[in-house]
Amino acid sequence: MVALEIPSDYKYVLVIFACTFFMNAFLVVRVAKARKLYDVQYPNLYAPAGHKYAMEFNSVQRAHQNTLESMSTVITQMLVVGLFYPVFAAACGGLWTLGRIVYGIGYAFGPDKRVYGGLISHLGDLPLQIALIRVAYDAYTTWQ
């Protein structure tokens, strides 16, 4: 059996975790506004083929969808890594969250404008992935 103590700095991880809700809400609102502006009706996830504003709407929608595709993994990594390296995990999670906002804003101007947000996001998620491997390795080699 292994005892797990939650470090006092874990509060920073929880603050960033809460911030991800607001980041996601920001992207949801952008999609809702774009849906109305470009007249893309439910249940269509994306604008139908041949829609006059397909590129404009689909860019906003894709930014949100892409964020959702990685959100659960990044948040889980942050929460786990934060148990061992809380300030590092919070900083990485914060970069990822900020990057997703920049990504969403940029992508709305066209797919080629999403690059900076993507880079900022990866400055957060890639170190978290590496840190999770380290945590898993340490757990495997010391918890036997």
N, C-alpha and C. Protein backbone atom coordinates (compact mmCIF):
# COMPACT_ATOMS: atom_id res chain seq x y z
N MET A 1 0.84 -1.18 0.00
CA MET A 1 0.00 0.00 0.00
C MET A 1 0.89 1.24 0.00
N VAL A 2 0.46 2.23 -0.74
CA VAL A 2 1.21 3.47 -0.86
C VAL A 2 0.34 4.60 -0.34
N ALA A 3 0.89 5.39 0.56
CA ALA A 3 0.16 6.56 1.07
C ALA A 3 0.46 7.74 0.15
N LEU A 4 -0.56 8.50 -0.10
CA LEU A 4 -0.40 9.65 -0.98
C LEU A 4 -0.77 10.91 -0.22
N GLU A 5 0.18 11.83 -0.16
CA GLU A 5 -0.06 13.10 0.51
C GLU A 5 -0.21 14.18 -0.55
N ILE A 6 -1.27 14.97 -0.43
CA ILE A 6 -1.50 16.04 -1.40
C ILE A 6 -0.71 17.26 -0.95
N PRO A 7 0.21 17.74 -1.80
CA PRO A 7 1.03 18.88 -1.41
C PRO A 7 0.20 20.17 -1.31
N SER A 8 0.64 21.07 -0.46
CA SER A 8 -0.11 22.33 -0.28
C SER A 8 -0.15 23.16 -1.57
N ASP A 9 0.86 23.03 -2.41
CA ASP A 9 0.88 23.78 -3.68
C ASP A 9 -0.09 23.20 -4.72
N TYR A 10 -0.75 22.11 -4.38
CA TYR A 10 -1.73 21.51 -5.31
C TYR A 10 -2.88 22.47 -5.58
N LYS A 11 -3.05 23.45 -4.72
CA LYS A 11 -4.10 24.45 -4.92
C LYS A 11 -3.94 25.16 -6.26
N TYR A 12 -2.70 25.32 -6.72
CA TYR A 12 -2.47 25.98 -8.02
C TYR A 12 -3.00 25.11 -9.16
N VAL A 13 -2.83 23.82 -9.02
CA VAL A 13 -3.36 22.88 -10.02
C VAL A 13 -4.88 23.01 -10.08
N LEU A 14 -5.50 23.09 -8.91
CA LEU A 14 -6.96 23.20 -8.86
C LEU A 14 -7.46 24.52 -9.45
N VAL A 15 -6.70 25.59 -9.26
CA VAL A 15 -7.07 26.89 -9.85
C VAL A 15 -7.04 26.79 -11.38
N ILE A 16 -6.00 26.18 -11.93
CA ILE A 16 -5.92 26.04 -13.38
C ILE A 16 -7.00 25.09 -13.88
N PHE A 17 -7.27 24.05 -13.12
CA PHE A 17 -8.36 23.13 -13.48
C PHE A 17 -9.67 23.91 -13.60
N ALA A 18 -9.93 24.78 -12.66
CA ALA A 18 -11.14 25.62 -12.72
C ALA A 18 -11.10 26.55 -13.93
N CYS A 19 -9.93 27.06 -14.27
CA CYS A 19 -9.79 27.96 -15.43
C CYS A 19 -10.13 27.25 -16.75
N THR A 20 -9.92 25.94 -16.80
CA THR A 20 -10.24 25.22 -18.03
C THR A 20 -11.74 25.27 -18.32
N PHE A 21 -12.56 25.35 -17.29
CA PHE A 21 -14.00 25.50 -17.49
C PHE A 21 -14.29 26.80 -18.23
N PHE A 22 -13.65 27.89 -17.80
CA PHE A 22 -13.89 29.19 -18.42
C PHE A 22 -13.34 29.25 -19.84
N MET A 23 -12.21 28.59 -20.07
CA MET A 23 -11.65 28.53 -21.42
C MET A 23 -12.62 27.80 -22.34
N ASN A 24 -13.15 26.67 -21.87
CA ASN A 24 -14.10 25.91 -22.68
C ASN A 24 -15.38 26.72 -22.92
N ALA A 25 -15.86 27.39 -21.89
CA ALA A 25 -17.06 28.22 -22.04
C ALA A 25 -16.83 29.33 -23.06
N PHE A 26 -15.65 29.92 -23.05
CA PHE A 26 -15.29 30.95 -24.02
C PHE A 26 -15.41 30.40 -25.45
N LEU A 27 -14.88 29.21 -25.66
CA LEU A 27 -14.94 28.60 -26.99
C LEU A 27 -16.37 28.20 -27.37
N VAL A 28 -17.14 27.73 -26.40
CA VAL A 28 -18.54 27.37 -26.66
C VAL A 28 -19.32 28.60 -27.11
N VAL A 29 -19.13 29.71 -26.42
CA VAL A 29 -19.84 30.95 -26.78
C VAL A 29 -19.45 31.40 -28.18
N ARG A 30 -18.18 31.26 -28.53
CA ARG A 30 -17.74 31.64 -29.87
C ARG A 30 -18.44 30.78 -30.94
N VAL A 31 -18.58 29.50 -30.67
CA VAL A 31 -19.27 28.62 -31.62
C VAL A 31 -20.75 29.00 -31.71
N ALA A 32 -21.37 29.25 -30.57
CA ALA A 32 -22.79 29.61 -30.57
C ALA A 32 -23.03 30.90 -31.36
N LYS A 33 -22.17 31.89 -31.16
CA LYS A 33 -22.29 33.14 -31.91
C LYS A 33 -22.06 32.92 -33.40
N ALA A 34 -21.06 32.11 -33.74
CA ALA A 34 -20.77 31.82 -35.15
C ALA A 34 -21.92 31.05 -35.79
N ARG A 35 -22.52 30.15 -35.03
CA ARG A 35 -23.66 29.37 -35.53
C ARG A 35 -24.80 30.32 -35.95
N LYS A 36 -25.05 31.32 -35.13
CA LYS A 36 -26.10 32.29 -35.42
C LYS A 36 -25.68 33.21 -36.57
N LEU A 37 -24.45 33.74 -36.50
CA LEU A 37 -23.96 34.67 -37.51
C LEU A 37 -23.93 34.04 -38.90
N TYR A 38 -23.48 32.80 -38.99
CA TYR A 38 -23.31 32.14 -40.28
C TYR A 38 -24.47 31.22 -40.64
N ASP A 39 -25.50 31.20 -39.80
CA ASP A 39 -26.72 30.44 -40.05
C ASP A 39 -26.44 28.95 -40.30
N VAL A 40 -25.77 28.35 -39.35
CA VAL A 40 -25.53 26.90 -39.39
C VAL A 40 -26.46 26.28 -38.35
N GLN A 41 -27.42 25.51 -38.81
CA GLN A 41 -28.48 24.98 -37.96
C GLN A 41 -28.07 23.65 -37.32
N TYR A 42 -28.60 23.43 -36.12
CA TYR A 42 -28.48 22.12 -35.48
C TYR A 42 -29.31 21.13 -36.29
N PRO A 43 -28.95 19.91 -36.36
CA PRO A 43 -27.93 19.21 -35.59
C PRO A 43 -26.56 19.19 -36.26
N ASN A 44 -26.36 20.00 -37.28
CA ASN A 44 -25.08 20.00 -37.98
C ASN A 44 -23.95 20.42 -37.04
N LEU A 45 -22.95 19.56 -36.92
CA LEU A 45 -21.77 19.92 -36.14
C LEU A 45 -20.95 20.94 -36.92
N TYR A 46 -20.87 20.74 -38.22
CA TYR A 46 -20.15 21.65 -39.12
C TYR A 46 -21.11 22.16 -40.18
N ALA A 47 -20.71 23.20 -40.88
CA ALA A 47 -21.55 23.74 -41.95
C ALA A 47 -21.68 22.68 -43.04
N PRO A 48 -22.88 22.52 -43.60
CA PRO A 48 -23.07 21.53 -44.66
C PRO A 48 -22.24 21.88 -45.90
N ALA A 49 -21.94 20.87 -46.68
CA ALA A 49 -21.17 21.07 -47.91
C ALA A 49 -21.85 22.13 -48.77
N GLY A 50 -21.06 23.04 -49.29
CA GLY A 50 -21.58 24.09 -50.16
C GLY A 50 -22.12 25.30 -49.44
N HIS A 51 -22.11 25.28 -48.10
CA HIS A 51 -22.61 26.43 -47.33
C HIS A 51 -21.74 27.65 -47.62
N LYS A 52 -22.39 28.78 -47.77
CA LYS A 52 -21.71 30.02 -48.14
C LYS A 52 -20.58 30.39 -47.17
N TYR A 53 -20.79 30.11 -45.89
CA TYR A 53 -19.80 30.48 -44.87
C TYR A 53 -19.17 29.25 -44.21
N ALA A 54 -19.02 28.20 -44.96
CA ALA A 54 -18.47 26.96 -44.40
C ALA A 54 -17.10 27.17 -43.77
N MET A 55 -16.20 27.82 -44.46
CA MET A 55 -14.84 28.02 -43.94
C MET A 55 -14.88 28.83 -42.64
N GLU A 56 -15.65 29.89 -42.60
CA GLU A 56 -15.70 30.76 -41.43
C GLU A 56 -16.26 30.01 -40.22
N PHE A 57 -17.41 29.36 -40.41
CA PHE A 57 -18.01 28.65 -39.28
C PHE A 57 -17.16 27.45 -38.88
N ASN A 58 -16.76 26.66 -39.85
CA ASN A 58 -16.02 25.44 -39.54
C ASN A 58 -14.70 25.73 -38.82
N SER A 59 -14.10 26.88 -39.10
CA SER A 59 -12.86 27.24 -38.40
C SER A 59 -13.11 27.48 -36.92
N VAL A 60 -14.19 28.18 -36.60
CA VAL A 60 -14.54 28.43 -35.20
C VAL A 60 -14.90 27.11 -34.52
N GLN A 61 -15.71 26.31 -35.19
CA GLN A 61 -16.14 25.02 -34.62
C GLN A 61 -14.96 24.08 -34.44
N ARG A 62 -14.07 24.05 -35.41
CA ARG A 62 -12.93 23.13 -35.36
C ARG A 62 -11.99 23.48 -34.19
N ALA A 63 -11.83 24.77 -33.92
CA ALA A 63 -10.98 25.19 -32.79
C ALA A 63 -11.53 24.61 -31.48
N HIS A 64 -12.84 24.67 -31.33
CA HIS A 64 -13.44 24.12 -30.11
C HIS A 64 -13.34 22.59 -30.10
N GLN A 65 -13.67 21.97 -31.21
CA GLN A 65 -13.64 20.51 -31.29
C GLN A 65 -12.24 19.97 -31.04
N ASN A 66 -11.24 20.63 -31.60
CA ASN A 66 -9.86 20.20 -31.39
C ASN A 66 -9.47 20.29 -29.92
N THR A 67 -9.94 21.33 -29.26
CA THR A 67 -9.67 21.47 -27.83
C THR A 67 -10.31 20.34 -27.04
N LEU A 68 -11.55 20.02 -27.37
CA LEU A 68 -12.23 18.92 -26.68
C LEU A 68 -11.53 17.59 -26.87
N GLU A 69 -10.91 17.41 -28.03
CA GLU A 69 -10.24 16.14 -28.33
C GLU A 69 -9.06 15.87 -27.40
N SER A 70 -8.44 16.91 -26.89
CA SER A 70 -7.27 16.71 -26.02
C SER A 70 -7.53 17.10 -24.57
N MET A 71 -8.66 17.73 -24.31
CA MET A 71 -8.91 18.30 -22.99
C MET A 71 -8.88 17.27 -21.86
N SER A 72 -9.55 16.16 -22.01
CA SER A 72 -9.59 15.18 -20.92
C SER A 72 -8.20 14.61 -20.62
N THR A 73 -7.43 14.38 -21.65
CA THR A 73 -6.08 13.83 -21.45
C THR A 73 -5.18 14.85 -20.76
N VAL A 74 -5.20 16.08 -21.23
CA VAL A 74 -4.32 17.11 -20.64
C VAL A 74 -4.71 17.38 -19.19
N ILE A 75 -6.01 17.49 -18.92
CA ILE A 75 -6.44 17.74 -17.54
C ILE A 75 -6.06 16.58 -16.63
N THR A 76 -6.24 15.36 -17.09
CA THR A 76 -5.87 14.20 -16.28
C THR A 76 -4.37 14.20 -16.01
N GLN A 77 -3.57 14.48 -17.04
CA GLN A 77 -2.13 14.54 -16.84
C GLN A 77 -1.77 15.61 -15.81
N MET A 78 -2.41 16.78 -15.91
CA MET A 78 -2.12 17.86 -14.98
C MET A 78 -2.47 17.45 -13.55
N LEU A 79 -3.62 16.83 -13.37
CA LEU A 79 -4.05 16.43 -12.04
C LEU A 79 -3.12 15.38 -11.42
N VAL A 80 -2.67 14.44 -12.23
CA VAL A 80 -1.76 13.39 -11.72
C VAL A 80 -0.37 13.94 -11.48
N VAL A 81 0.19 14.62 -12.46
CA VAL A 81 1.55 15.18 -12.30
C VAL A 81 1.57 16.19 -11.14
N GLY A 82 0.46 16.91 -10.97
CA GLY A 82 0.37 17.90 -9.90
C GLY A 82 0.51 17.32 -8.51
N LEU A 83 0.21 16.04 -8.35
CA LEU A 83 0.39 15.39 -7.04
C LEU A 83 1.87 15.30 -6.66
N PHE A 84 2.75 15.34 -7.65
CA PHE A 84 4.17 15.20 -7.42
C PHE A 84 4.95 16.49 -7.70
N TYR A 85 4.50 17.23 -8.70
CA TYR A 85 5.15 18.48 -9.11
C TYR A 85 4.06 19.54 -9.34
N PRO A 86 3.45 20.03 -8.26
CA PRO A 86 2.26 20.87 -8.42
C PRO A 86 2.48 22.19 -9.15
N VAL A 87 3.54 22.89 -8.85
CA VAL A 87 3.77 24.19 -9.51
C VAL A 87 4.07 23.98 -10.99
N PHE A 88 4.88 23.00 -11.28
CA PHE A 88 5.19 22.67 -12.68
C PHE A 88 3.92 22.29 -13.43
N ALA A 89 3.11 21.43 -12.84
CA ALA A 89 1.87 20.98 -13.50
C ALA A 89 0.91 22.14 -13.72
N ALA A 90 0.79 23.02 -12.73
CA ALA A 90 -0.09 24.18 -12.87
C ALA A 90 0.42 25.12 -13.96
N ALA A 91 1.72 25.32 -14.03
CA ALA A 91 2.29 26.19 -15.06
C ALA A 91 2.03 25.60 -16.45
N CYS A 92 2.24 24.31 -16.59
CA CYS A 92 1.98 23.65 -17.88
C CYS A 92 0.50 23.71 -18.23
N GLY A 93 -0.35 23.43 -17.26
CA GLY A 93 -1.79 23.50 -17.50
C GLY A 93 -2.23 24.92 -17.85
N GLY A 94 -1.63 25.89 -17.22
CA GLY A 94 -1.93 27.28 -17.52
C GLY A 94 -1.52 27.66 -18.94
N LEU A 95 -0.35 27.20 -19.36
CA LEU A 95 0.09 27.45 -20.74
C LEU A 95 -0.85 26.79 -21.74
N TRP A 96 -1.23 25.56 -21.46
CA TRP A 96 -2.15 24.86 -22.36
C TRP A 96 -3.48 25.60 -22.46
N THR A 97 -4.01 26.03 -21.31
CA THR A 97 -5.29 26.73 -21.29
C THR A 97 -5.21 28.05 -22.04
N LEU A 98 -4.18 28.82 -21.78
CA LEU A 98 -3.98 30.08 -22.51
C LEU A 98 -3.82 29.81 -24.00
N GLY A 99 -3.04 28.80 -24.32
CA GLY A 99 -2.83 28.44 -25.72
C GLY A 99 -4.12 28.10 -26.44
N ARG A 100 -5.03 27.43 -25.74
CA ARG A 100 -6.29 27.07 -26.38
C ARG A 100 -7.15 28.30 -26.67
N ILE A 101 -7.07 29.30 -25.82
CA ILE A 101 -7.79 30.55 -26.07
C ILE A 101 -7.20 31.25 -27.29
N VAL A 102 -5.88 31.36 -27.32
CA VAL A 102 -5.20 31.99 -28.47
C VAL A 102 -5.49 31.19 -29.74
N TYR A 103 -5.48 29.88 -29.63
CA TYR A 103 -5.78 28.99 -30.75
C TYR A 103 -7.19 29.26 -31.29
N GLY A 104 -8.15 29.33 -30.38
CA GLY A 104 -9.54 29.56 -30.79
C GLY A 104 -9.74 30.91 -31.46
N ILE A 105 -9.11 31.93 -30.93
CA ILE A 105 -9.22 33.26 -31.54
C ILE A 105 -8.55 33.26 -32.90
N GLY A 106 -7.35 32.72 -32.97
CA GLY A 106 -6.62 32.70 -34.23
C GLY A 106 -7.31 31.90 -35.30
N TYR A 107 -7.78 30.72 -34.95
CA TYR A 107 -8.42 29.83 -35.92
C TYR A 107 -9.64 30.49 -36.56
N ALA A 108 -10.34 31.34 -35.81
CA ALA A 108 -11.51 32.03 -36.34
C ALA A 108 -11.16 32.93 -37.52
N PHE A 109 -9.90 33.32 -37.61
CA PHE A 109 -9.44 34.14 -38.73
C PHE A 109 -8.91 33.29 -39.88
N GLY A 110 -8.94 31.99 -39.71
CA GLY A 110 -8.50 31.06 -40.75
C GLY A 110 -7.55 30.04 -40.18
N PRO A 111 -7.53 28.85 -40.77
CA PRO A 111 -6.70 27.76 -40.26
C PRO A 111 -5.22 28.11 -40.11
N ASP A 112 -4.71 28.96 -40.97
CA ASP A 112 -3.29 29.31 -40.88
C ASP A 112 -2.99 30.22 -39.69
N LYS A 113 -3.99 30.77 -39.06
CA LYS A 113 -3.79 31.68 -37.92
C LYS A 113 -3.84 30.95 -36.58
N ARG A 114 -3.95 29.65 -36.59
CA ARG A 114 -4.03 28.88 -35.35
C ARG A 114 -2.66 28.47 -34.81
N VAL A 115 -1.62 28.74 -35.57
CA VAL A 115 -0.28 28.22 -35.26
C VAL A 115 0.24 28.69 -33.91
N TYR A 116 0.13 29.98 -33.61
CA TYR A 116 0.68 30.49 -32.35
C TYR A 116 -0.01 29.87 -31.14
N GLY A 117 -1.32 29.77 -31.21
CA GLY A 117 -2.05 29.13 -30.12
C GLY A 117 -1.66 27.67 -29.96
N GLY A 118 -1.46 27.00 -31.09
CA GLY A 118 -1.03 25.60 -31.03
C GLY A 118 0.33 25.45 -30.38
N LEU A 119 1.24 26.35 -30.72
CA LEU A 119 2.58 26.30 -30.11
C LEU A 119 2.53 26.54 -28.61
N ILE A 120 1.75 27.54 -28.20
CA ILE A 120 1.62 27.81 -26.76
C ILE A 120 1.01 26.59 -26.06
N SER A 121 -0.02 26.01 -26.66
CA SER A 121 -0.65 24.81 -26.08
C SER A 121 0.36 23.69 -25.89
N HIS A 122 1.17 23.47 -26.91
CA HIS A 122 2.14 22.38 -26.84
C HIS A 122 3.27 22.66 -25.86
N LEU A 123 3.53 23.92 -25.56
CA LEU A 123 4.50 24.23 -24.51
C LEU A 123 3.97 23.79 -23.15
N GLY A 124 2.66 23.60 -23.07
CA GLY A 124 2.06 23.09 -21.84
C GLY A 124 1.83 21.59 -21.86
N ASP A 125 1.28 21.07 -22.95
CA ASP A 125 0.90 19.66 -22.93
C ASP A 125 2.07 18.69 -23.11
N LEU A 126 3.04 19.04 -23.92
CA LEU A 126 4.17 18.12 -24.12
C LEU A 126 5.00 17.92 -22.85
N PRO A 127 5.35 18.98 -22.11
CA PRO A 127 6.05 18.74 -20.84
C PRO A 127 5.23 17.94 -19.84
N LEU A 128 3.91 18.12 -19.85
CA LEU A 128 3.07 17.30 -18.97
C LEU A 128 3.14 15.83 -19.34
N GLN A 129 3.16 15.54 -20.64
CA GLN A 129 3.25 14.15 -21.08
C GLN A 129 4.57 13.53 -20.63
N ILE A 130 5.65 14.28 -20.78
CA ILE A 130 6.97 13.79 -20.35
C ILE A 130 7.00 13.59 -18.84
N ALA A 131 6.45 14.55 -18.11
CA ALA A 131 6.42 14.45 -16.65
C ALA A 131 5.58 13.26 -16.19
N LEU A 132 4.48 12.99 -16.89
CA LEU A 132 3.66 11.83 -16.53
C LEU A 132 4.43 10.53 -16.73
N ILE A 133 5.21 10.45 -17.77
CA ILE A 133 6.06 9.27 -17.98
C ILE A 133 7.05 9.14 -16.83
N ARG A 134 7.61 10.26 -16.40
CA ARG A 134 8.55 10.25 -15.26
C ARG A 134 7.85 9.78 -13.99
N VAL A 135 6.67 10.32 -13.73
CA VAL A 135 5.91 9.92 -12.54
C VAL A 135 5.58 8.43 -12.60
N ALA A 136 5.17 7.95 -13.76
CA ALA A 136 4.84 6.53 -13.91
C ALA A 136 6.08 5.66 -13.70
N TYR A 137 7.19 6.08 -14.26
CA TYR A 137 8.45 5.34 -14.10
C TYR A 137 8.85 5.29 -12.62
N ASP A 138 8.80 6.46 -11.96
CA ASP A 138 9.16 6.50 -10.54
C ASP A 138 8.23 5.61 -9.71
N ALA A 139 6.94 5.64 -10.04
CA ALA A 139 5.98 4.81 -9.31
C ALA A 139 6.29 3.33 -9.53
N TYR A 140 6.55 2.97 -10.76
CA TYR A 140 6.82 1.57 -11.07
C TYR A 140 8.07 1.06 -10.39
N THR A 141 9.12 1.88 -10.35
CA THR A 141 10.40 1.42 -9.79
C THR A 141 10.47 1.52 -8.28
N THR A 142 9.61 2.36 -7.65
CA THR A 142 9.73 2.51 -6.20
C THR A 142 8.57 1.91 -5.43
N TRP A 143 7.45 1.64 -6.06
CA TRP A 143 6.27 1.14 -5.34
C TRP A 143 6.18 -0.39 -5.36
N GLN A 144 7.27 -1.06 -5.63
CA GLN A 144 7.22 -2.52 -5.71
C GLN A 144 7.42 -3.17 -4.38
